[in-house]
Amino acid sequence: MQKFILRPSSKNQVTIPKPVRQALGVDPKDPIAVVIDDEGKVSLEPARLLSISELKGILPPLGRPTSPDFSAEIREAMEEHAQQIVDRLNQR
């Protein structure tokens, strides 16, 4: 087992030693995840960026509009807002 002592800079940044980067299989600019488990043990692992297709389904669906005629409600709201603007302009 190898152990490396790292000293944070004044900005709390550390340089990851080359043998660690090689063991992780990462190149410069590759993302690295810092993982803290339930017992407080800290480890490093290569961070895998997810593709768009892998992200699909991660969030719950927003749901459907509750109104049967949502388009009509939008149109009505836009007409009301337009009328408010016209009323303000006429008051000048």
PDB file of N, CA and C in Angstrom:
ATOM      1  N   MET A   1       0.848  -1.177   0.000  1.00  0.00           N
ATOM      2  CA  MET A   1       0.000   0.000   0.000  1.00  0.00           C
ATOM      3  C   MET A   1       0.889   1.233   0.000  1.00  0.00           C
ATOM      4  N   GLN A   2       0.468   2.236  -0.781  1.00  0.00           N
ATOM      5  CA  GLN A   2       1.172   3.510  -0.812  1.00  0.00           C
ATOM      6  C   GLN A   2       0.326   4.557  -0.104  1.00  0.00           C
ATOM      7  N   LYS A   3       0.996   5.486   0.567  1.00  0.00           N
ATOM      8  CA  LYS A   3       0.305   6.572   1.249  1.00  0.00           C
ATOM      9  C   LYS A   3       0.954   7.883   0.828  1.00  0.00           C
ATOM     10  N   PHE A   4       0.136   8.871   0.485  1.00  0.00           N
ATOM     11  CA  PHE A   4       0.642  10.166   0.058  1.00  0.00           C
ATOM     12  C   PHE A   4       0.119  11.238   1.010  1.00  0.00           C
ATOM     13  N   ILE A   5       0.999  12.112   1.429  1.00  0.00           N
ATOM     14  CA  ILE A   5       0.614  13.221   2.290  1.00  0.00           C
ATOM     15  C   ILE A   5       0.449  14.453   1.396  1.00  0.00           C
ATOM     16  N   LEU A   6      -0.745  15.032   1.412  1.00  0.00           N
ATOM     17  CA  LEU A   6      -1.022  16.207   0.594  1.00  0.00           C
ATOM     18  C   LEU A   6      -1.232  17.406   1.510  1.00  0.00           C
ATOM     19  N   ARG A   7      -0.735  18.553   1.079  1.00  0.00           N
ATOM     20  CA  ARG A   7      -0.887  19.771   1.867  1.00  0.00           C
ATOM     21  C   ARG A   7      -1.737  20.763   1.074  1.00  0.00           C
ATOM     22  N   PRO A   8      -2.925  21.113   1.583  1.00  0.00           N
ATOM     23  CA  PRO A   8      -3.775  22.072   0.872  1.00  0.00           C
ATOM     24  C   PRO A   8      -3.090  23.440   0.760  1.00  0.00           C
ATOM     25  N   SER A   9      -3.297  24.076  -0.385  1.00  0.00           N
ATOM     26  CA  SER A   9      -2.774  25.426  -0.595  1.00  0.00           C
ATOM     27  C   SER A   9      -3.636  26.417   0.194  1.00  0.00           C
ATOM     28  N   SER A  10      -3.305  27.704   0.093  1.00  0.00           N
ATOM     29  CA  SER A  10      -4.100  28.727   0.779  1.00  0.00           C
ATOM     30  C   SER A  10      -5.533  28.760   0.255  1.00  0.00           C
ATOM     31  N   LYS A  11      -5.754  28.213  -0.940  1.00  0.00           N
ATOM     32  CA  LYS A  11      -7.107  28.139  -1.516  1.00  0.00           C
ATOM     33  C   LYS A  11      -7.740  26.766  -1.288  1.00  0.00           C
ATOM     34  N   ASN A  12      -7.134  25.971  -0.387  1.00  0.00           N
ATOM     35  CA  ASN A  12      -7.610  24.614  -0.074  1.00  0.00           C
ATOM     36  C   ASN A  12      -7.574  23.685  -1.271  1.00  0.00           C
ATOM     37  N   GLN A  13      -6.629  23.896  -2.168  1.00  0.00           N
ATOM     38  CA  GLN A  13      -6.461  23.021  -3.327  1.00  0.00           C
ATOM     39  C   GLN A  13      -5.281  22.084  -3.072  1.00  0.00           C
ATOM     40  N   VAL A  14      -5.384  20.879  -3.617  1.00  0.00           N
ATOM     41  CA  VAL A  14      -4.278  19.928  -3.501  1.00  0.00           C
ATOM     42  C   VAL A  14      -3.906  19.433  -4.887  1.00  0.00           C
ATOM     43  N   THR A  15      -2.655  19.064  -5.039  1.00  0.00           N
ATOM     44  CA  THR A  15      -2.194  18.447  -6.280  1.00  0.00           C
ATOM     45  C   THR A  15      -2.243  16.944  -6.077  1.00  0.00           C
ATOM     46  N   ILE A  16      -2.909  16.267  -6.984  1.00  0.00           N
ATOM     47  CA  ILE A  16      -3.013  14.812  -6.880  1.00  0.00           C
ATOM     48  C   ILE A  16      -1.754  14.218  -7.507  1.00  0.00           C
ATOM     49  N   PRO A  17      -0.994  13.461  -6.735  1.00  0.00           N
ATOM     50  CA  PRO A  17       0.270  12.922  -7.246  1.00  0.00           C
ATOM     51  C   PRO A  17       0.064  12.019  -8.469  1.00  0.00           C
ATOM     52  N   LYS A  18       1.072  11.999  -9.317  1.00  0.00           N
ATOM     53  CA  LYS A  18       1.010  11.229 -10.563  1.00  0.00           C
ATOM     54  C   LYS A  18       0.668   9.754 -10.321  1.00  0.00           C
ATOM     55  N   PRO A  19       1.286   9.086  -9.341  1.00  0.00           N
ATOM     56  CA  PRO A  19       0.924   7.674  -9.129  1.00  0.00           C
ATOM     57  C   PRO A  19      -0.563   7.484  -8.795  1.00  0.00           C
ATOM     58  N   VAL A  20      -1.166   8.449  -8.111  1.00  0.00           N
ATOM     59  CA  VAL A  20      -2.597   8.367  -7.782  1.00  0.00           C
ATOM     60  C   VAL A  20      -3.415   8.534  -9.057  1.00  0.00           C
ATOM     61  N   ARG A  21      -3.046   9.538  -9.865  1.00  0.00           N
ATOM     62  CA  ARG A  21      -3.761   9.757 -11.134  1.00  0.00           C
ATOM     63  C   ARG A  21      -3.642   8.531 -12.037  1.00  0.00           C
ATOM     64  N   GLN A  22      -2.457   7.931 -12.056  1.00  0.00           N
ATOM     65  CA  GLN A  22      -2.264   6.731 -12.878  1.00  0.00           C
ATOM     66  C   GLN A  22      -3.111   5.576 -12.356  1.00  0.00           C
ATOM     67  N   ALA A  23      -3.162   5.412 -11.044  1.00  0.00           N
ATOM     68  CA  ALA A  23      -3.966   4.330 -10.458  1.00  0.00           C
ATOM     69  C   ALA A  23      -5.455   4.529 -10.764  1.00  0.00           C
ATOM     70  N   LEU A  24      -5.885   5.796 -10.819  1.00  0.00           N
ATOM     71  CA  LEU A  24      -7.281   6.097 -11.145  1.00  0.00           C
ATOM     72  C   LEU A  24      -7.545   5.990 -12.647  1.00  0.00           C
ATOM     73  N   GLY A  25      -6.469   6.060 -13.430  1.00  0.00           N
ATOM     74  CA  GLY A  25      -6.630   6.018 -14.888  1.00  0.00           C
ATOM     75  C   GLY A  25      -7.181   7.310 -15.453  1.00  0.00           C
ATOM     76  N   VAL A  26      -6.836   8.438 -14.822  1.00  0.00           N
ATOM     77  CA  VAL A  26      -7.325   9.730 -15.295  1.00  0.00           C
ATOM     78  C   VAL A  26      -6.195  10.538 -15.916  1.00  0.00           C
ATOM     79  N   ASP A  27      -6.568  11.372 -16.856  1.00  0.00           N
ATOM     80  CA  ASP A  27      -5.655  12.295 -17.508  1.00  0.00           C
ATOM     81  C   ASP A  27      -5.912  13.695 -16.965  1.00  0.00           C
ATOM     82  N   PRO A  28      -4.997  14.640 -17.253  1.00  0.00           N
ATOM     83  CA  PRO A  28      -5.266  16.018 -16.831  1.00  0.00           C
ATOM     84  C   PRO A  28      -6.624  16.481 -17.355  1.00  0.00           C
ATOM     85  N   LYS A  29      -7.327  17.221 -16.544  1.00  0.00           N
ATOM     86  CA  LYS A  29      -8.655  17.776 -16.850  1.00  0.00           C
ATOM     87  C   LYS A  29      -9.789  16.753 -16.723  1.00  0.00           C
ATOM     88  N   ASP A  30      -9.480  15.473 -16.514  1.00  0.00           N
ATOM     89  CA  ASP A  30     -10.544  14.482 -16.293  1.00  0.00           C
ATOM     90  C   ASP A  30     -11.165  14.724 -14.917  1.00  0.00           C
ATOM     91  N   PRO A  31     -12.477  14.588 -14.801  1.00  0.00           N
ATOM     92  CA  PRO A  31     -13.103  14.789 -13.495  1.00  0.00           C
ATOM     93  C   PRO A  31     -12.820  13.620 -12.553  1.00  0.00           C
ATOM     94  N   ILE A  32     -12.650  13.960 -11.286  1.00  0.00           N
ATOM     95  CA  ILE A  32     -12.408  12.960 -10.247  1.00  0.00           C
ATOM     96  C   ILE A  32     -13.455  13.187  -9.156  1.00  0.00           C
ATOM     97  N   ALA A  33     -14.105  12.123  -8.737  1.00  0.00           N
ATOM     98  CA  ALA A  33     -15.109  12.215  -7.673  1.00  0.00           C
ATOM     99  C   ALA A  33     -14.451  11.943  -6.329  1.00  0.00           C
ATOM    100  N   VAL A  34     -14.795  12.750  -5.335  1.00  0.00           N
ATOM    101  CA  VAL A  34     -14.381  12.512  -3.956  1.00  0.00           C
ATOM    102  C   VAL A  34     -15.599  11.918  -3.260  1.00  0.00           C
ATOM    103  N   VAL A  35     -15.435  10.714  -2.734  1.00  0.00           N
ATOM    104  CA  VAL A  35     -16.554   9.979  -2.134  1.00  0.00           C
ATOM    105  C   VAL A  35     -16.305   9.831  -0.635  1.00  0.00           C
ATOM    106  N   ILE A  36     -17.315  10.214   0.163  1.00  0.00           N
ATOM    107  CA  ILE A  36     -17.242  10.025   1.616  1.00  0.00           C
ATOM    108  C   ILE A  36     -18.320   9.009   1.976  1.00  0.00           C
ATOM    109  N   ASP A  37     -17.902   7.850   2.487  1.00  0.00           N
ATOM    110  CA  ASP A  37     -18.895   6.817   2.797  1.00  0.00           C
ATOM    111  C   ASP A  37     -19.551   7.089   4.153  1.00  0.00           C
ATOM    112  N   ASP A  38     -20.475   6.230   4.533  1.00  0.00           N
ATOM    113  CA  ASP A  38     -21.257   6.418   5.765  1.00  0.00           C
ATOM    114  C   ASP A  38     -20.395   6.416   7.024  1.00  0.00           C
ATOM    115  N   GLU A  39     -19.219   5.799   6.942  1.00  0.00           N
ATOM    116  CA  GLU A  39     -18.330   5.762   8.104  1.00  0.00           C
ATOM    117  C   GLU A  39     -17.319   6.895   8.090  1.00  0.00           C
ATOM    118  N   GLY A  40     -17.397   7.781   7.081  1.00  0.00           N
ATOM    119  CA  GLY A  40     -16.495   8.933   7.006  1.00  0.00           C
ATOM    120  C   GLY A  40     -15.219   8.686   6.232  1.00  0.00           C
ATOM    121  N   LYS A  41     -15.075   7.494   5.648  1.00  0.00           N
ATOM    122  CA  LYS A  41     -13.874   7.188   4.866  1.00  0.00           C
ATOM    123  C   LYS A  41     -13.955   7.924   3.527  1.00  0.00           C
ATOM    124  N   VAL A  42     -12.864   8.601   3.177  1.00  0.00           N
ATOM    125  CA  VAL A  42     -12.811   9.383   1.947  1.00  0.00           C
ATOM    126  C   VAL A  42     -12.024   8.603   0.904  1.00  0.00           C
ATOM    127  N   SER A  43     -12.553   8.561  -0.318  1.00  0.00           N
ATOM    128  CA  SER A  43     -11.833   7.898  -1.410  1.00  0.00           C
ATOM    129  C   SER A  43     -12.010   8.700  -2.684  1.00  0.00           C
ATOM    130  N   LEU A  44     -11.160   8.440  -3.643  1.00  0.00           N
ATOM    131  CA  LEU A  44     -11.220   9.084  -4.949  1.00  0.00           C
ATOM    132  C   LEU A  44     -11.570   8.034  -5.990  1.00  0.00           C
ATOM    133  N   GLU A  45     -12.341   8.470  -6.993  1.00  0.00           N
ATOM    134  CA  GLU A  45     -12.641   7.574  -8.114  1.00  0.00           C
ATOM    135  C   GLU A  45     -12.865   8.431  -9.358  1.00  0.00           C
ATOM    136  N   PRO A  46     -12.602   7.857 -10.525  1.00  0.00           N
ATOM    137  CA  PRO A  46     -12.869   8.633 -11.735  1.00  0.00           C
ATOM    138  C   PRO A  46     -14.357   8.966 -11.800  1.00  0.00           C
ATOM    139  N   ALA A  47     -14.652  10.215 -12.111  1.00  0.00           N
ATOM    140  CA  ALA A  47     -16.053  10.629 -12.234  1.00  0.00           C
ATOM    141  C   ALA A  47     -16.478  10.390 -13.667  1.00  0.00           C
ATOM    142  N   ARG A  48     -17.509   9.614 -13.822  1.00  0.00           N
ATOM    143  CA  ARG A  48     -18.022   9.311 -15.158  1.00  0.00           C
ATOM    144  C   ARG A  48     -19.146  10.281 -15.464  1.00  0.00           C
ATOM    145  N   LEU A  49     -18.986  11.028 -16.545  1.00  0.00           N
ATOM    146  CA  LEU A  49     -20.030  11.945 -16.965  1.00  0.00           C
ATOM    147  C   LEU A  49     -21.106  11.161 -17.694  1.00  0.00           C
ATOM    148  N   LEU A  50     -22.346  11.438 -17.376  1.00  0.00           N
ATOM    149  CA  LEU A  50     -23.461  10.706 -17.981  1.00  0.00           C
ATOM    150  C   LEU A  50     -23.866  11.330 -19.308  1.00  0.00           C
ATOM    151  N   SER A  51     -24.263  10.481 -20.227  1.00  0.00           N
ATOM    152  CA  SER A  51     -24.766  10.966 -21.510  1.00  0.00           C
ATOM    153  C   SER A  51     -26.228  11.377 -21.337  1.00  0.00           C
ATOM    154  N   ILE A  52     -26.754  12.088 -22.303  1.00  0.00           N
ATOM    155  CA  ILE A  52     -28.156  12.522 -22.260  1.00  0.00           C
ATOM    156  C   ILE A  52     -29.083  11.310 -22.143  1.00  0.00           C
ATOM    157  N   SER A  53     -28.777  10.249 -22.887  1.00  0.00           N
ATOM    158  CA  SER A  53     -29.661   9.075 -22.847  1.00  0.00           C
ATOM    159  C   SER A  53     -29.623   8.408 -21.466  1.00  0.00           C
ATOM    160  N   GLU A  54     -28.477   8.495 -20.766  1.00  0.00           N
ATOM    161  CA  GLU A  54     -28.394   7.929 -19.421  1.00  0.00           C
ATOM    162  C   GLU A  54     -29.142   8.790 -18.396  1.00  0.00           C
ATOM    163  N   LEU A  55     -29.276  10.087 -18.682  1.00  0.00           N
ATOM    164  CA  LEU A  55     -29.984  10.987 -17.771  1.00  0.00           C
ATOM    165  C   LEU A  55     -31.491  10.855 -17.881  1.00  0.00           C
ATOM    166  N   LYS A  56     -31.947  10.299 -19.014  1.00  0.00           N
ATOM    167  CA  LYS A  56     -33.386  10.172 -19.234  1.00  0.00           C
ATOM    168  C   LYS A  56     -34.019   9.342 -18.112  1.00  0.00           C
ATOM    169  N   GLY A  57     -35.062   9.900 -17.535  1.00  0.00           N
ATOM    170  CA  GLY A  57     -35.789   9.194 -16.490  1.00  0.00           C
ATOM    171  C   GLY A  57     -35.264   9.425 -15.088  1.00  0.00           C
ATOM    172  N   ILE A  58     -34.175  10.180 -14.937  1.00  0.00           N
ATOM    173  CA  ILE A  58     -33.629  10.437 -13.608  1.00  0.00           C
ATOM    174  C   ILE A  58     -34.595  11.273 -12.766  1.00  0.00           C
ATOM    175  N   LEU A  59     -35.235  12.256 -13.396  1.00  0.00           N
ATOM    176  CA  LEU A  59     -36.184  13.103 -12.683  1.00  0.00           C
ATOM    177  C   LEU A  59     -37.603  12.585 -12.889  1.00  0.00           C
ATOM    178  N   PRO A  60     -38.441  12.789 -11.897  1.00  0.00           N
ATOM    179  CA  PRO A  60     -39.830  12.361 -12.074  1.00  0.00           C
ATOM    180  C   PRO A  60     -40.516  13.244 -13.119  1.00  0.00           C
ATOM    181  N   PRO A  61     -41.524  12.733 -13.793  1.00  0.00           N
ATOM    182  CA  PRO A  61     -42.232  13.545 -14.784  1.00  0.00           C
ATOM    183  C   PRO A  61     -42.906  14.738 -14.112  1.00  0.00           C
ATOM    184  N   LEU A  62     -43.007  15.827 -14.860  1.00  0.00           N
ATOM    185  CA  LEU A  62     -43.622  17.038 -14.321  1.00  0.00           C
ATOM    186  C   LEU A  62     -45.118  16.893 -14.146  1.00  0.00           C
ATOM    187  N   GLY A  63     -45.692  15.972 -14.820  1.00  0.00           N
ATOM    188  CA  GLY A  63     -47.134  15.794 -14.732  1.00  0.00           C
ATOM    189  C   GLY A  63     -47.828  16.510 -15.872  1.00  0.00           C
ATOM    190  N   ARG A  64     -49.058  16.256 -16.013  1.00  0.00           N
ATOM    191  CA  ARG A  64     -49.854  16.839 -17.087  1.00  0.00           C
ATOM    192  C   ARG A  64     -50.678  17.999 -16.530  1.00  0.00           C
ATOM    193  N   PRO A  65     -51.000  18.965 -17.382  1.00  0.00           N
ATOM    194  CA  PRO A  65     -51.884  20.043 -16.926  1.00  0.00           C
ATOM    195  C   PRO A  65     -53.196  19.461 -16.417  1.00  0.00           C
ATOM    196  N   THR A  66     -53.718  20.068 -15.361  1.00  0.00           N
ATOM    197  CA  THR A  66     -54.957  19.535 -14.772  1.00  0.00           C
ATOM    198  C   THR A  66     -56.180  19.960 -15.569  1.00  0.00           C
ATOM    199  N   SER A  67     -56.058  21.022 -16.341  1.00  0.00           N
ATOM    200  CA  SER A  67     -57.194  21.505 -17.113  1.00  0.00           C
ATOM    201  C   SER A  67     -57.328  20.707 -18.406  1.00  0.00           C
ATOM    202  N   PRO A  68     -58.560  20.395 -18.817  1.00  0.00           N
ATOM    203  CA  PRO A  68     -58.726  19.679 -20.081  1.00  0.00           C
ATOM    204  C   PRO A  68     -58.357  20.550 -21.287  1.00  0.00           C
ATOM    205  N   ASP A  69     -58.428  21.889 -21.120  1.00  0.00           N
ATOM    206  CA  ASP A  69     -58.090  22.773 -22.229  1.00  0.00           C
ATOM    207  C   ASP A  69     -57.034  23.773 -21.765  1.00  0.00           C
ATOM    208  N   PHE A  70     -55.844  23.260 -21.530  1.00  0.00           N
ATOM    209  CA  PHE A  70     -54.737  24.073 -21.019  1.00  0.00           C
ATOM    210  C   PHE A  70     -54.392  25.190 -21.996  1.00  0.00           C
ATOM    211  N   SER A  71     -54.446  24.936 -23.288  1.00  0.00           N
ATOM    212  CA  SER A  71     -54.130  25.951 -24.297  1.00  0.00           C
ATOM    213  C   SER A  71     -55.089  27.138 -24.185  1.00  0.00           C
ATOM    214  N   ALA A  72     -56.347  26.870 -23.931  1.00  0.00           N
ATOM    215  CA  ALA A  72     -57.328  27.950 -23.782  1.00  0.00           C
ATOM    216  C   ALA A  72     -57.003  28.802 -22.555  1.00  0.00           C
ATOM    217  N   GLU A  73     -56.571  28.162 -21.468  1.00  0.00           N
ATOM    218  CA  GLU A  73     -56.201  28.906 -20.261  1.00  0.00           C
ATOM    219  C   GLU A  73     -54.995  29.802 -20.524  1.00  0.00           C
ATOM    220  N   ILE A  74     -54.022  29.302 -21.252  1.00  0.00           N
ATOM    221  CA  ILE A  74     -52.848  30.108 -21.599  1.00  0.00           C
ATOM    222  C   ILE A  74     -53.266  31.285 -22.464  1.00  0.00           C
ATOM    223  N   ARG A  75     -54.064  31.025 -23.452  1.00  0.00           N
ATOM    224  CA  ARG A  75     -54.542  32.086 -24.345  1.00  0.00           C
ATOM    225  C   ARG A  75     -55.295  33.156 -23.549  1.00  0.00           C
ATOM    226  N   GLU A  76     -56.152  32.742 -22.632  1.00  0.00           N
ATOM    227  CA  GLU A  76     -56.926  33.678 -21.814  1.00  0.00           C
ATOM    228  C   GLU A  76     -56.002  34.521 -20.927  1.00  0.00           C
ATOM    229  N   ALA A  77     -55.034  33.886 -20.329  1.00  0.00           N
ATOM    230  CA  ALA A  77     -54.085  34.609 -19.473  1.00  0.00           C
ATOM    231  C   ALA A  77     -53.292  35.628 -20.289  1.00  0.00           C
ATOM    232  N   MET A  78     -52.892  35.263 -21.505  1.00  0.00           N
ATOM    233  CA  MET A  78     -52.155  36.189 -22.364  1.00  0.00           C
ATOM    234  C   MET A  78     -53.036  37.374 -22.758  1.00  0.00           C
ATOM    235  N   GLU A  79     -54.311  37.120 -23.050  1.00  0.00           N
ATOM    236  CA  GLU A  79     -55.230  38.197 -23.413  1.00  0.00           C
ATOM    237  C   GLU A  79     -55.442  39.137 -22.231  1.00  0.00           C
ATOM    238  N   GLU A  80     -55.576  38.584 -21.025  1.00  0.00           N
ATOM    239  CA  GLU A  80     -55.735  39.419 -19.835  1.00  0.00           C
ATOM    240  C   GLU A  80     -54.507  40.299 -19.617  1.00  0.00           C
ATOM    241  N   HIS A  81     -53.336  39.713 -19.773  1.00  0.00           N
ATOM    242  CA  HIS A  81     -52.092  40.463 -19.585  1.00  0.00           C
ATOM    243  C   HIS A  81     -51.974  41.557 -20.648  1.00  0.00           C
ATOM    244  N   ALA A  82     -52.303  41.238 -21.883  1.00  0.00           N
ATOM    245  CA  ALA A  82     -52.255  42.233 -22.951  1.00  0.00           C
ATOM    246  C   ALA A  82     -53.215  43.384 -22.647  1.00  0.00           C
ATOM    247  N   GLN A  83     -54.403  43.067 -22.126  1.00  0.00           N
ATOM    248  CA  GLN A  83     -55.371  44.114 -21.787  1.00  0.00           C
ATOM    249  C   GLN A  83     -54.844  45.002 -20.664  1.00  0.00           C
ATOM    250  N   GLN A  84     -54.164  44.415 -19.694  1.00  0.00           N
ATOM    251  CA  GLN A  84     -53.570  45.207 -18.609  1.00  0.00           C
ATOM    252  C   GLN A  84     -52.536  46.183 -19.163  1.00  0.00           C
ATOM    253  N   ILE A  85     -51.742  45.743 -20.118  1.00  0.00           N
ATOM    254  CA  ILE A  85     -50.738  46.620 -20.731  1.00  0.00           C
ATOM    255  C   ILE A  85     -51.425  47.753 -21.486  1.00  0.00           C
ATOM    256  N   VAL A  86     -52.451  47.433 -22.242  1.00  0.00           N
ATOM    257  CA  VAL A  86     -53.196  48.460 -22.994  1.00  0.00           C
ATOM    258  C   VAL A  86     -53.813  49.465 -22.023  1.00  0.00           C
ATOM    259  N   ASP A  87     -54.391  48.979 -20.916  1.00  0.00           N
ATOM    260  CA  ASP A  87     -55.011  49.874 -19.928  1.00  0.00           C
ATOM    261  C   ASP A  87     -53.957  50.824 -19.326  1.00  0.00           C
ATOM    262  N   ARG A  88     -52.778  50.290 -19.001  1.00  0.00           N
ATOM    263  CA  ARG A  88     -51.716  51.141 -18.452  1.00  0.00           C
ATOM    264  C   ARG A  88     -51.282  52.192 -19.463  1.00  0.00           C
ATOM    265  N   LEU A  89     -51.160  51.807 -20.724  1.00  0.00           N
ATOM    266  CA  LEU A  89     -50.743  52.765 -21.757  1.00  0.00           C
ATOM    267  C   LEU A  89     -51.809  53.846 -21.966  1.00  0.00           C
ATOM    268  N   ASN A  90     -53.078  53.487 -21.838  1.00  0.00           N
ATOM    269  CA  ASN A  90     -54.158  54.461 -22.013  1.00  0.00           C
ATOM    270  C   ASN A  90     -54.244  55.430 -20.844  1.00  0.00           C
ATOM    271  N   GLN A  91     -53.700  55.073 -19.688  1.00  0.00           N
ATOM    272  CA  GLN A  91     -53.748  55.930 -18.514  1.00  0.00           C
ATOM    273  C   GLN A  91     -52.691  57.036 -18.590  1.00  0.00           C
ATOM    274  N   ARG A  92     -51.751  56.944 -19.477  1.00  0.00           N
ATOM    275  CA  ARG A  92     -50.670  57.941 -19.582  1.00  0.00           C
ATOM    276  C   ARG A  92     -51.146  59.201 -20.225  1.00  0.00           C
TER     277      ARG A  92
END
